Each structure stands twice: as structure tokens, then as C-alpha cells.
N, C-alpha and C. Protein backbone atom coordinates (compact mmCIF):
# COMPACT_ATOMS: atom_id res chain seq x y z
N MET A 1 -15.53 5.91 12.34
CA MET A 1 -13.96 6.03 12.32
C MET A 1 -13.82 5.96 10.85
N SER A 2 -12.82 6.87 10.27
CA SER A 2 -12.42 6.68 8.90
C SER A 2 -10.81 6.94 8.96
N ILE A 3 -10.33 6.87 7.71
CA ILE A 3 -8.83 7.19 7.32
C ILE A 3 -8.48 8.39 7.95
N TYR A 4 -9.32 9.35 8.01
CA TYR A 4 -9.14 10.70 8.22
C TYR A 4 -8.61 10.86 9.81
N ASP A 5 -8.94 9.76 10.62
CA ASP A 5 -8.70 9.90 11.89
C ASP A 5 -7.21 9.64 12.44
N PHE A 6 -6.58 9.54 11.37
CA PHE A 6 -5.04 8.89 11.66
C PHE A 6 -4.00 9.86 11.11
N LYS A 7 -3.02 9.73 11.88
CA LYS A 7 -1.74 10.61 11.53
C LYS A 7 -0.50 9.45 11.52
N VAL A 8 0.36 9.69 10.44
CA VAL A 8 1.55 8.83 10.56
C VAL A 8 2.90 9.66 10.24
N LYS A 9 3.75 8.93 10.51
CA LYS A 9 4.94 9.50 10.51
C LYS A 9 5.42 9.75 8.87
N LYS A 10 5.84 10.86 8.50
CA LYS A 10 6.50 11.13 7.15
C LYS A 10 7.78 10.68 7.21
N ARG A 11 8.09 10.67 5.92
CA ARG A 11 9.62 10.10 5.36
C ARG A 11 10.51 10.92 6.03
N LYS A 12 10.18 12.21 5.83
CA LYS A 12 11.22 13.23 6.75
C LYS A 12 10.67 13.72 8.01
N ASP A 13 11.01 15.06 8.26
CA ASP A 13 10.40 15.45 9.87
C ASP A 13 8.77 15.65 9.76
N GLY A 14 8.00 15.37 10.83
CA GLY A 14 6.80 15.52 11.10
C GLY A 14 5.87 14.46 11.04
N GLU A 15 4.65 14.91 10.91
CA GLU A 15 3.38 13.78 10.90
C GLU A 15 2.63 14.41 9.46
N PHE A 16 2.22 13.18 9.01
CA PHE A 16 1.20 13.39 7.77
C PHE A 16 -0.14 13.02 8.29
N ASP A 17 -1.30 14.24 8.21
CA ASP A 17 -2.38 14.06 8.76
C ASP A 17 -3.42 13.56 7.52
N PHE A 18 -3.96 12.38 7.63
CA PHE A 18 -5.01 12.03 6.43
C PHE A 18 -6.10 12.83 6.44
N ASN A 19 -6.52 13.57 7.43
CA ASN A 19 -7.32 14.53 7.13
C ASN A 19 -7.21 15.47 5.92
N GLU A 20 -5.84 15.62 5.48
CA GLU A 20 -5.44 16.55 4.53
C GLU A 20 -6.32 16.03 3.08
N LEU A 21 -6.43 14.83 3.03
CA LEU A 21 -6.98 14.14 2.04
C LEU A 21 -8.58 13.88 1.85
N LYS A 22 -9.17 14.86 2.86
CA LYS A 22 -10.89 14.66 2.58
C LYS A 22 -11.05 14.87 1.39
N GLY A 23 -12.20 14.12 0.68
CA GLY A 23 -12.75 14.47 -0.53
C GLY A 23 -11.74 13.71 -1.76
N LYS A 24 -10.79 13.02 -1.38
CA LYS A 24 -9.69 12.52 -2.23
C LYS A 24 -10.02 11.01 -2.34
N VAL A 25 -9.90 10.33 -3.32
CA VAL A 25 -9.82 8.82 -3.45
C VAL A 25 -8.43 8.68 -3.40
N VAL A 26 -8.26 7.46 -2.25
CA VAL A 26 -6.61 7.30 -1.90
C VAL A 26 -6.42 5.64 -2.02
N LEU A 27 -5.23 5.52 -2.53
CA LEU A 27 -4.81 4.03 -2.72
C LEU A 27 -3.59 4.05 -1.71
N ILE A 28 -3.69 3.06 -0.82
CA ILE A 28 -2.73 2.96 0.32
C ILE A 28 -1.88 1.57 -0.03
N VAL A 29 -0.59 1.66 -0.22
CA VAL A 29 0.12 0.40 -0.46
C VAL A 29 1.29 0.12 0.51
N ASN A 30 1.40 -0.97 0.71
CA ASN A 30 2.78 -1.24 1.47
C ASN A 30 3.79 -2.08 0.75
N THR A 31 4.92 -1.32 0.53
CA THR A 31 5.65 -1.63 -0.55
C THR A 31 7.28 -1.99 -0.15
N ALA A 32 8.20 -2.46 -0.94
CA ALA A 32 9.46 -2.96 -0.62
C ALA A 32 10.09 -2.83 -1.98
N THR A 33 11.42 -2.31 -1.79
CA THR A 33 12.18 -2.22 -3.32
C THR A 33 13.09 -3.37 -3.60
N GLY A 34 12.97 -4.45 -2.84
CA GLY A 34 13.76 -5.58 -3.24
C GLY A 34 12.78 -6.68 -3.64
N CYS A 35 11.38 -6.65 -3.95
CA CYS A 35 10.40 -7.61 -4.05
C CYS A 35 10.19 -7.96 -5.46
N GLY A 36 9.68 -9.08 -5.59
CA GLY A 36 9.30 -9.55 -6.97
C GLY A 36 8.27 -8.53 -7.61
N PHE A 37 7.59 -8.12 -6.75
CA PHE A 37 6.24 -7.29 -7.17
C PHE A 37 6.97 -5.60 -7.22
N THR A 38 8.24 -5.42 -6.80
CA THR A 38 8.57 -4.02 -6.91
C THR A 38 8.23 -3.19 -8.32
N PRO A 39 8.37 -3.94 -9.45
CA PRO A 39 7.99 -3.29 -10.79
C PRO A 39 6.50 -2.63 -10.64
N GLN A 40 5.70 -2.90 -9.67
CA GLN A 40 4.40 -2.41 -9.67
C GLN A 40 4.46 -0.89 -9.57
N TYR A 41 5.63 -0.38 -8.88
CA TYR A 41 5.98 0.82 -8.80
C TYR A 41 5.69 1.54 -9.97
N LYS A 42 6.20 1.04 -11.29
CA LYS A 42 5.70 1.72 -12.42
C LYS A 42 4.29 2.06 -12.77
N GLY A 43 3.37 0.85 -12.38
CA GLY A 43 1.97 0.91 -12.68
C GLY A 43 1.37 2.00 -11.69
N LEU A 44 1.78 1.95 -10.46
CA LEU A 44 1.34 2.88 -9.51
C LEU A 44 1.54 4.35 -9.94
N GLU A 45 2.72 4.51 -10.44
CA GLU A 45 3.05 5.83 -10.81
C GLU A 45 2.06 6.42 -12.14
N GLU A 46 1.93 5.28 -12.94
CA GLU A 46 1.06 5.71 -14.18
C GLU A 46 -0.47 5.91 -13.66
N LEU A 47 -0.83 5.27 -12.70
CA LEU A 47 -2.13 5.46 -12.09
C LEU A 47 -2.10 7.04 -11.52
N TYR A 48 -0.98 7.26 -10.92
CA TYR A 48 -1.17 8.61 -10.10
C TYR A 48 -1.12 9.82 -11.27
N GLU A 49 -0.29 9.58 -12.30
CA GLU A 49 -0.27 10.46 -13.43
C GLU A 49 -1.37 10.57 -14.08
N LYS A 50 -2.35 9.51 -14.16
CA LYS A 50 -3.24 9.74 -14.87
C LYS A 50 -4.53 10.42 -14.22
N TYR A 51 -4.63 10.02 -12.95
CA TYR A 51 -5.77 10.21 -12.15
C TYR A 51 -5.60 11.36 -10.93
N ASN A 52 -4.38 11.61 -10.69
CA ASN A 52 -4.13 12.52 -9.53
C ASN A 52 -5.06 13.98 -9.69
N SER A 53 -4.95 14.55 -11.02
CA SER A 53 -5.73 15.76 -11.13
C SER A 53 -7.33 15.65 -10.95
N LYS A 54 -7.67 14.27 -11.00
CA LYS A 54 -8.95 14.07 -11.06
C LYS A 54 -9.54 13.71 -9.37
N GLY A 55 -8.39 13.52 -8.50
CA GLY A 55 -8.79 13.35 -7.29
C GLY A 55 -8.08 12.25 -6.47
N LEU A 56 -7.21 11.42 -6.97
CA LEU A 56 -6.48 10.36 -6.61
C LEU A 56 -5.31 10.53 -6.08
N GLU A 57 -5.12 10.24 -4.48
CA GLU A 57 -3.62 10.23 -4.13
C GLU A 57 -3.28 9.04 -3.59
N ILE A 58 -1.93 8.57 -3.69
CA ILE A 58 -1.52 7.12 -3.63
C ILE A 58 -0.37 7.59 -2.50
N ILE A 59 -0.83 6.59 -1.25
CA ILE A 59 0.20 6.68 -0.16
C ILE A 59 0.94 5.47 -0.02
N ASP A 60 2.32 5.52 -0.11
CA ASP A 60 3.31 4.44 -0.22
C ASP A 60 3.87 4.22 1.46
N PHE A 61 3.71 3.01 1.92
CA PHE A 61 4.34 2.89 3.21
C PHE A 61 5.38 1.67 3.03
N PRO A 62 6.67 1.95 2.85
CA PRO A 62 7.68 0.97 2.81
C PRO A 62 7.54 0.17 4.10
N CYS A 63 7.95 -1.22 3.87
CA CYS A 63 7.78 -2.21 5.02
C CYS A 63 8.66 -3.22 4.80
N ASN A 64 9.59 -3.56 5.85
CA ASN A 64 10.64 -4.48 5.77
C ASN A 64 10.27 -5.77 6.42
N GLN A 65 9.05 -5.97 6.78
CA GLN A 65 8.47 -7.09 7.52
C GLN A 65 8.51 -8.55 6.63
N PHE A 66 8.61 -8.43 5.14
CA PHE A 66 8.63 -9.43 4.45
C PHE A 66 9.82 -9.94 3.80
N ALA A 67 10.52 -10.76 4.49
CA ALA A 67 11.93 -11.37 4.07
C ALA A 67 12.83 -10.29 3.71
N ASN A 68 12.83 -9.37 4.51
CA ASN A 68 13.65 -7.97 4.61
C ASN A 68 13.94 -7.50 3.24
N GLN A 69 12.98 -7.23 2.49
CA GLN A 69 12.78 -6.74 1.17
C GLN A 69 12.92 -5.25 0.87
N ALA A 70 12.70 -4.57 2.17
CA ALA A 70 12.81 -3.14 2.05
C ALA A 70 13.94 -2.56 3.06
N PRO A 71 15.20 -3.07 2.55
CA PRO A 71 16.37 -2.54 3.15
C PRO A 71 16.70 -1.10 3.19
N GLY A 72 17.32 -0.63 3.98
CA GLY A 72 18.02 0.81 3.88
C GLY A 72 16.88 1.79 4.62
N ASN A 73 17.40 3.13 4.70
CA ASN A 73 16.84 3.97 5.32
C ASN A 73 15.65 4.62 4.68
N ASP A 74 14.78 5.36 5.02
CA ASP A 74 13.54 6.00 4.24
C ASP A 74 14.14 6.66 3.01
N GLU A 75 15.45 7.56 3.29
CA GLU A 75 15.75 8.47 2.33
C GLU A 75 16.43 7.45 1.08
N GLU A 76 17.25 6.48 1.41
CA GLU A 76 17.61 5.44 0.31
C GLU A 76 16.41 4.90 -0.36
N ILE A 77 15.47 4.53 0.23
CA ILE A 77 14.23 3.83 -0.41
C ILE A 77 13.43 4.89 -1.27
N HIS A 78 13.54 6.28 -0.87
CA HIS A 78 12.84 7.09 -1.48
C HIS A 78 13.60 7.53 -2.88
N GLU A 79 15.04 7.32 -2.78
CA GLU A 79 15.84 7.84 -3.97
C GLU A 79 15.84 6.47 -4.86
N PHE A 80 15.70 5.42 -4.61
CA PHE A 80 15.45 4.18 -5.27
C PHE A 80 14.10 4.23 -6.31
N CYS A 81 13.12 4.70 -5.58
CA CYS A 81 11.73 4.83 -6.16
C CYS A 81 11.72 6.01 -7.10
N THR A 82 12.35 7.14 -6.70
CA THR A 82 12.10 8.39 -7.74
C THR A 82 13.24 8.22 -8.64
N LEU A 83 14.55 7.46 -8.48
CA LEU A 83 15.28 7.44 -9.70
C LEU A 83 14.89 6.28 -10.72
N LYS A 84 14.47 5.04 -10.14
CA LYS A 84 14.03 3.90 -10.96
C LYS A 84 12.82 4.21 -11.50
N TYR A 85 11.71 4.46 -10.77
CA TYR A 85 10.31 4.25 -11.31
C TYR A 85 9.56 5.81 -11.51
N LYS A 86 10.64 6.88 -10.97
CA LYS A 86 10.14 8.28 -11.03
C LYS A 86 8.83 8.33 -10.29
N THR A 87 8.78 7.91 -9.19
CA THR A 87 7.30 8.10 -8.66
C THR A 87 7.42 9.57 -7.95
N GLN A 88 6.06 10.11 -7.87
CA GLN A 88 5.92 11.32 -7.39
C GLN A 88 4.86 11.42 -6.14
N PHE A 89 4.17 10.33 -5.91
CA PHE A 89 3.17 10.17 -4.99
C PHE A 89 3.92 10.19 -3.69
N ASP A 90 3.09 10.32 -2.69
CA ASP A 90 3.81 10.47 -1.08
C ASP A 90 4.04 9.00 -0.69
N GLN A 91 5.52 9.03 -0.13
CA GLN A 91 6.10 7.96 0.42
C GLN A 91 6.15 8.29 2.03
N MET A 92 5.80 7.48 2.81
CA MET A 92 5.83 7.76 4.18
C MET A 92 7.20 7.14 4.94
N ALA A 93 7.20 7.40 6.17
CA ALA A 93 8.41 6.49 6.87
C ALA A 93 8.10 5.07 6.81
N LYS A 94 9.11 4.27 6.76
CA LYS A 94 9.04 2.70 6.87
C LYS A 94 8.24 2.50 8.20
N ILE A 95 7.34 1.27 8.16
CA ILE A 95 6.27 0.91 9.24
C ILE A 95 6.48 -0.58 9.00
N ASP A 96 5.79 -1.12 10.10
CA ASP A 96 5.20 -2.29 10.21
C ASP A 96 3.70 -2.42 10.00
N VAL A 97 3.50 -3.39 9.26
CA VAL A 97 2.09 -3.60 8.98
C VAL A 97 1.49 -4.79 9.76
N ASN A 98 2.24 -5.59 10.29
CA ASN A 98 1.55 -6.51 11.02
C ASN A 98 2.34 -6.74 12.40
N GLY A 99 1.49 -7.32 13.52
CA GLY A 99 2.41 -7.66 14.71
C GLY A 99 2.12 -6.37 15.80
N GLU A 100 3.10 -6.69 16.68
CA GLU A 100 2.98 -5.70 17.91
C GLU A 100 3.28 -4.37 17.66
N ASN A 101 3.98 -4.10 16.50
CA ASN A 101 4.49 -2.79 16.43
C ASN A 101 3.83 -2.09 14.99
N GLU A 102 2.67 -2.80 14.59
CA GLU A 102 1.90 -2.34 13.54
C GLU A 102 1.50 -1.06 13.63
N SER A 103 1.46 -0.59 12.34
CA SER A 103 0.84 0.92 12.37
C SER A 103 -0.55 1.08 12.72
N PRO A 104 -1.19 2.02 13.58
CA PRO A 104 -2.58 1.84 13.58
C PRO A 104 -3.43 2.02 12.47
N VAL A 105 -2.94 2.83 11.46
CA VAL A 105 -3.54 3.04 10.29
C VAL A 105 -3.78 1.63 9.65
N TYR A 106 -2.83 0.64 9.79
CA TYR A 106 -2.86 -0.51 9.03
C TYR A 106 -3.70 -1.49 9.83
N THR A 107 -3.92 -1.15 11.27
CA THR A 107 -4.82 -1.98 12.13
C THR A 107 -6.36 -1.70 11.44
N PHE A 108 -6.52 -0.43 11.52
CA PHE A 108 -7.91 0.06 10.93
C PHE A 108 -8.27 -0.54 9.57
N LEU A 109 -7.16 -0.44 8.74
CA LEU A 109 -7.56 -1.06 7.16
C LEU A 109 -7.77 -2.67 7.57
N LYS A 110 -6.94 -3.24 8.03
CA LYS A 110 -7.04 -4.63 8.24
C LYS A 110 -8.52 -5.03 8.61
N ASN A 111 -8.69 -4.22 9.87
CA ASN A 111 -10.13 -4.68 10.49
C ASN A 111 -11.30 -4.23 9.62
N ALA A 112 -11.00 -3.24 8.74
CA ALA A 112 -12.17 -2.62 7.73
C ALA A 112 -12.52 -3.91 6.69
N LEU A 113 -11.15 -4.25 6.21
CA LEU A 113 -11.25 -5.22 4.79
C LEU A 113 -10.20 -6.52 5.30
N PRO A 114 -10.70 -7.44 5.85
CA PRO A 114 -9.72 -8.52 6.40
C PRO A 114 -9.59 -9.53 5.27
N ASP A 115 -10.25 -9.39 4.11
CA ASP A 115 -10.10 -10.67 3.25
C ASP A 115 -9.54 -9.93 2.04
N GLU A 116 -8.71 -10.51 1.29
CA GLU A 116 -8.17 -10.34 -0.07
C GLU A 116 -8.26 -11.69 -0.84
N GLU A 117 -8.33 -11.50 -2.07
CA GLU A 117 -8.31 -12.78 -2.98
C GLU A 117 -7.57 -12.64 -4.10
N ALA A 118 -6.43 -13.54 -4.51
CA ALA A 118 -5.76 -13.39 -5.62
C ALA A 118 -6.38 -14.07 -6.62
N LYS A 119 -6.49 -13.41 -7.84
CA LYS A 119 -7.20 -14.08 -8.98
C LYS A 119 -6.45 -14.70 -9.77
N GLY A 120 -6.69 -15.97 -10.23
CA GLY A 120 -6.18 -16.55 -11.30
C GLY A 120 -5.30 -17.75 -10.73
N ILE A 121 -5.02 -18.90 -11.45
CA ILE A 121 -4.26 -19.71 -10.74
C ILE A 121 -2.98 -19.35 -10.58
N LYS A 122 -2.28 -18.63 -11.46
CA LYS A 122 -0.74 -18.17 -11.16
C LYS A 122 -0.79 -17.39 -9.98
N ASN A 123 -1.69 -16.58 -9.84
CA ASN A 123 -1.51 -15.57 -8.69
C ASN A 123 -1.84 -16.37 -7.41
N LYS A 124 -2.81 -17.16 -7.28
CA LYS A 124 -3.07 -18.05 -6.18
C LYS A 124 -1.76 -18.84 -5.70
N MET A 125 -1.20 -19.28 -6.76
CA MET A 125 0.11 -20.05 -6.48
C MET A 125 1.06 -19.28 -5.90
N ALA A 126 1.28 -18.00 -6.48
CA ALA A 126 2.31 -16.98 -6.01
C ALA A 126 1.95 -16.66 -4.45
N MET A 127 0.57 -16.48 -4.29
CA MET A 127 0.45 -16.08 -2.92
C MET A 127 0.49 -17.25 -1.65
N MET A 128 0.25 -18.63 -2.13
CA MET A 128 0.43 -19.73 -1.41
C MET A 128 1.88 -19.66 -1.03
N ALA A 129 2.82 -19.45 -2.02
CA ALA A 129 4.16 -19.54 -1.92
C ALA A 129 4.67 -18.41 -0.90
N VAL A 130 4.15 -17.25 -1.06
CA VAL A 130 4.65 -16.24 -0.22
C VAL A 130 4.14 -16.50 1.20
N GLU A 131 2.89 -16.86 1.26
CA GLU A 131 2.57 -17.21 2.68
C GLU A 131 3.02 -18.01 3.55
N LYS A 132 3.83 -18.98 2.84
CA LYS A 132 4.53 -20.10 3.47
C LYS A 132 5.79 -19.56 4.22
N ILE A 133 6.41 -18.45 3.42
CA ILE A 133 7.71 -17.87 3.92
C ILE A 133 7.35 -16.67 4.87
N SER A 134 6.29 -16.19 4.87
CA SER A 134 5.83 -14.80 5.85
C SER A 134 5.98 -15.54 7.10
N LYS A 135 6.77 -14.45 7.82
CA LYS A 135 6.61 -14.96 9.25
C LYS A 135 5.96 -13.83 10.28
N THR A 136 5.28 -12.88 9.38
CA THR A 136 4.37 -11.91 10.25
C THR A 136 3.00 -12.23 10.15
N THR A 137 2.67 -12.89 9.10
CA THR A 137 1.32 -13.13 8.88
C THR A 137 0.82 -14.36 9.85
N VAL A 138 -0.18 -14.01 11.00
CA VAL A 138 -0.48 -14.95 11.92
C VAL A 138 -1.88 -14.87 12.06
N ASN A 139 -2.34 -13.88 11.94
CA ASN A 139 -3.92 -13.31 12.43
C ASN A 139 -4.56 -13.15 11.03
N LYS A 140 -6.00 -13.59 11.21
CA LYS A 140 -6.91 -13.25 10.15
C LYS A 140 -6.93 -11.80 9.78
N GLY A 141 -6.69 -11.49 8.40
CA GLY A 141 -6.63 -10.22 8.22
C GLY A 141 -5.25 -9.48 7.96
N ASP A 142 -4.25 -10.32 8.58
CA ASP A 142 -2.98 -9.89 8.48
C ASP A 142 -2.68 -9.67 7.04
N ILE A 143 -1.53 -8.52 6.65
CA ILE A 143 -1.12 -8.54 5.38
C ILE A 143 -0.36 -9.67 5.20
N LYS A 144 -0.33 -10.26 4.06
CA LYS A 144 0.41 -11.35 3.56
C LYS A 144 1.81 -11.06 2.84
N TRP A 145 2.01 -10.07 2.29
CA TRP A 145 3.29 -9.78 1.51
C TRP A 145 3.10 -8.33 1.05
N ASN A 146 4.36 -7.65 0.65
CA ASN A 146 4.49 -6.56 -0.10
C ASN A 146 3.60 -6.33 -1.13
N PHE A 147 3.30 -4.78 -1.16
CA PHE A 147 2.17 -4.54 -2.36
C PHE A 147 0.84 -4.78 -2.18
N THR A 148 0.20 -5.21 -0.97
CA THR A 148 -1.03 -5.35 -0.71
C THR A 148 -1.52 -3.88 -0.79
N LYS A 149 -2.85 -3.68 -1.50
CA LYS A 149 -3.26 -2.47 -1.69
C LYS A 149 -4.78 -2.36 -1.02
N PHE A 150 -4.97 -1.07 -0.54
CA PHE A 150 -6.20 -0.76 -0.08
C PHE A 150 -6.73 0.54 -0.80
N LEU A 151 -8.11 0.61 -1.45
CA LEU A 151 -8.90 1.61 -2.08
C LEU A 151 -9.87 2.15 -1.00
N VAL A 152 -9.43 3.63 -0.78
CA VAL A 152 -10.45 4.31 -0.10
C VAL A 152 -11.31 5.44 -0.64
N ASP A 153 -12.56 5.37 -0.15
CA ASP A 153 -13.32 6.47 -1.07
C ASP A 153 -13.02 7.85 -0.58
N ARG A 154 -13.88 8.83 -1.14
CA ARG A 154 -13.82 10.05 -0.92
C ARG A 154 -14.23 10.55 0.62
N ASN A 155 -14.88 9.69 1.29
CA ASN A 155 -15.13 9.82 2.45
C ASN A 155 -14.45 9.28 3.68
N GLY A 156 -13.24 8.70 3.14
CA GLY A 156 -12.29 8.10 4.06
C GLY A 156 -12.66 6.78 4.68
N ASN A 157 -13.70 5.87 3.62
CA ASN A 157 -13.87 4.75 4.15
C ASN A 157 -13.22 3.51 3.08
N PRO A 158 -12.50 2.54 3.68
CA PRO A 158 -11.95 1.67 2.95
C PRO A 158 -13.09 1.00 2.20
N VAL A 159 -12.81 0.60 0.80
CA VAL A 159 -13.90 -0.06 0.20
C VAL A 159 -13.39 -1.10 -0.66
N LYS A 160 -12.01 -1.48 -0.84
CA LYS A 160 -11.46 -2.82 -1.28
C LYS A 160 -10.07 -3.10 -1.02
N ARG A 161 -9.91 -4.17 -0.95
CA ARG A 161 -8.44 -4.56 -0.69
C ARG A 161 -7.96 -5.54 -1.73
N TYR A 162 -6.90 -5.31 -2.15
CA TYR A 162 -6.04 -5.91 -3.44
C TYR A 162 -5.16 -6.90 -2.80
N SER A 163 -4.76 -8.10 -3.49
CA SER A 163 -3.90 -8.87 -3.27
C SER A 163 -2.58 -8.11 -3.99
N PRO A 164 -1.34 -8.65 -3.22
CA PRO A 164 -0.14 -8.31 -3.73
C PRO A 164 0.00 -8.59 -5.19
N THR A 165 -0.51 -9.72 -5.80
CA THR A 165 -0.43 -10.01 -7.18
C THR A 165 -1.45 -9.05 -8.38
N ALA A 166 -2.19 -8.46 -7.55
CA ALA A 166 -3.26 -7.53 -8.31
C ALA A 166 -2.23 -6.34 -8.80
N GLU A 167 -2.21 -6.32 -10.34
CA GLU A 167 -1.29 -5.26 -10.82
C GLU A 167 -2.06 -4.00 -10.73
N PRO A 168 -1.44 -2.84 -10.64
CA PRO A 168 -1.96 -1.41 -10.51
C PRO A 168 -3.15 -1.39 -11.72
N LYS A 169 -3.06 -1.87 -12.94
CA LYS A 169 -3.93 -1.52 -13.98
C LYS A 169 -5.19 -2.24 -13.77
N GLU A 170 -5.25 -3.32 -12.99
CA GLU A 170 -6.32 -4.23 -12.51
C GLU A 170 -7.18 -3.39 -11.75
N ILE A 171 -6.72 -2.22 -11.02
CA ILE A 171 -7.30 -1.46 -10.06
C ILE A 171 -7.94 -0.28 -10.61
N GLU A 172 -7.71 0.08 -11.93
CA GLU A 172 -7.96 1.24 -12.48
C GLU A 172 -9.57 1.48 -12.64
N ASP A 173 -10.25 0.47 -12.87
CA ASP A 173 -11.91 0.67 -13.15
C ASP A 173 -12.47 0.85 -11.74
N ASP A 174 -11.87 0.39 -10.71
CA ASP A 174 -12.24 0.86 -9.36
C ASP A 174 -12.17 2.18 -8.98
N ILE A 175 -10.89 2.68 -9.36
CA ILE A 175 -10.47 4.01 -9.05
C ILE A 175 -11.62 4.94 -9.91
N LYS A 176 -11.70 4.58 -11.24
CA LYS A 176 -12.44 5.61 -12.00
C LYS A 176 -13.98 5.54 -11.38
N GLY A 177 -14.50 4.40 -10.87
CA GLY A 177 -15.73 4.35 -10.33
C GLY A 177 -16.08 5.46 -9.11
N LEU A 178 -14.91 5.40 -8.34
CA LEU A 178 -14.69 6.23 -7.13
C LEU A 178 -14.72 7.81 -7.43
N ILE A 179 -13.97 7.98 -8.56
CA ILE A 179 -13.53 9.37 -8.93
C ILE A 179 -14.66 10.04 -9.56
């Protein structure tokens, strides 16, 4: 099984088939517009602009499961991201990443890479704080908060999971290694 076995609901009508990304390096991120990590959109867009022509795609999944930090409908979220951060990468429909209604693509990603580690004391403390208030993080491998990132290689295999505290620039060397 690979990421290419999945289809997800697009922000607008229809489905997005991950099969369209064969041969690409993919960064998958669950996001929120009202989170302390929301400024990471800027870094994500910088990665996209720098590496998209070399084979990087970023897939954004808005998620409102963590302290209701992704309010609004899909269009309102998209408008916020494009106006404030000038994002150009693909943004899908809002989803759940944990629990009974979690997206099958996230079940796959979490099973493939159940562990993440925040690096540094400050980031570890931040993750301990958000884990205490997360009501949807109950099982091993569950997404702990907004802006958890998964890096997928050109064959559709998840290769690395990053904590929400990992800034996009910290992922750049791993992206370059796969491109």
C-alpha cells in the first residue's frame, strides 16, 4: 500500500487522487488558521516555491479537531491562506485526522509512522502543553496537534513524520535528499 491508493475530497467539488502525484515528493500537513503554528504557512509556501519545479508537492488538510482552531468553511480557510500567506499549494476539504471519522489517508500515514519527536526543550515543552489540551489524541500514533507533517517519497511511501513544532525550514534537507 502507498499514498497512491487514496482519494480525498477536494476543497471544491470532486475528489483528488493521490495517484496524480506519482513520482513526486509530497509533504502532507494538517493545518489550522487560528493556531500558534499558523505562521508556518509562510515557510511551507517558501518550500513550495523553491522545490515545486523540482518535484515537491504540498497537500494541506485543514482540521478543526484541536481547540477549534480551524473555524470557517473550506472557502473561508482557503481565502485566509491565499490572502495572508499567498499559498499556492493544494488545499483539500477540511477533515478529521483522529477518531471515528478520521480520513483513511491519515489512518495510513499514522500506521506507517506512529512516532514523532519534538526537538529541543522549548519544543518538547510546547508539545507537552498541547497534548494536555488535545481531546482527540487518545491512541498511539494519533496526531497531537495542528501542523503535524508527513514526508512521502517519490514512490508514495511515508518516510518521516515531523512534530507540529518542526518549522518547515527544518524539513528542507530531507526534501532535498528525496528530490
